[in-house]
Amino acid sequence: MSYDGHLEDKAKILGALGGTRGLLDSGLPSIVFLIAFNISHNLNKSAIVSIALSVLFAIARLVKRETLQHAISGVIGVAFCALLARHTGKAADFYLPGLIINVVYGIVYTVANLVGWPVLGLLLGPVLGENLAWAKVPARKNAYRRAGWLWVGLFVSRLIVQYPLYKTNHINWLGTARLIMGTPLFLLVGWGTWLILRKVPTVKPTLKPE
């Protein structure tokens, strides 16, 4: 079965990759940090405000009985970024962990594609009911690999744009680039992933005879 006409699979794909809500949990505190720092020019106060907002998101999810996975990871991530910036005394270091994450993801996705076990197949196979059966079907495996290169492009483009801004301590431009290349590009690449995968029939796992 192909993905044509199955829009719910698009939501599954985006959800498995973090989803827009997960991006907001981690993205908005970064924006608030930048705004607070521009207003107060106080690193400690800006860090506290960003952490507080992240905690509020987690509490809101808890009240609504939603999954806390992304909210908790968001709190931990924002807290680490804020503490790092406070420790070094350099506001731009708030964004350093994000750059490192893009380096790691870029390497992992590239290596996985090259060795024939694309990360997207490992992540989305179980979500879409394929498990690892896709690995035995060249067309489906190639679709996961092609979609994987989209994500490699996302990670690399972020580094190309944001790292020079980090090195030159242009925090306002860095925060702006982080915003523009965050949720919007994630949704664009997620949509591109779905367009690639929907063209190739999904693979049903073969049941082992009893």
Foldseek 3Di string as FASTA:
>chain_A
DFCVPPCVLLVLLLVLVQHPLLLCLQLVLLVQLVVVCVVPVDLLVSLVSSLVSLVVSLVVCVVVVHDNVSSVVSNVLSNVLSVVCVVVVANLSSCVVVLVVLVVLLVVQVVCLVVQNGPSCCRCCVSVQNHNVLSVPVLLSVLSSVLSVLSNVLSVVLCVQQVVCSVVSVNVSNSVSCNVSGPVVSSVSSVVSSVSRSVDDGHHDDDDDD
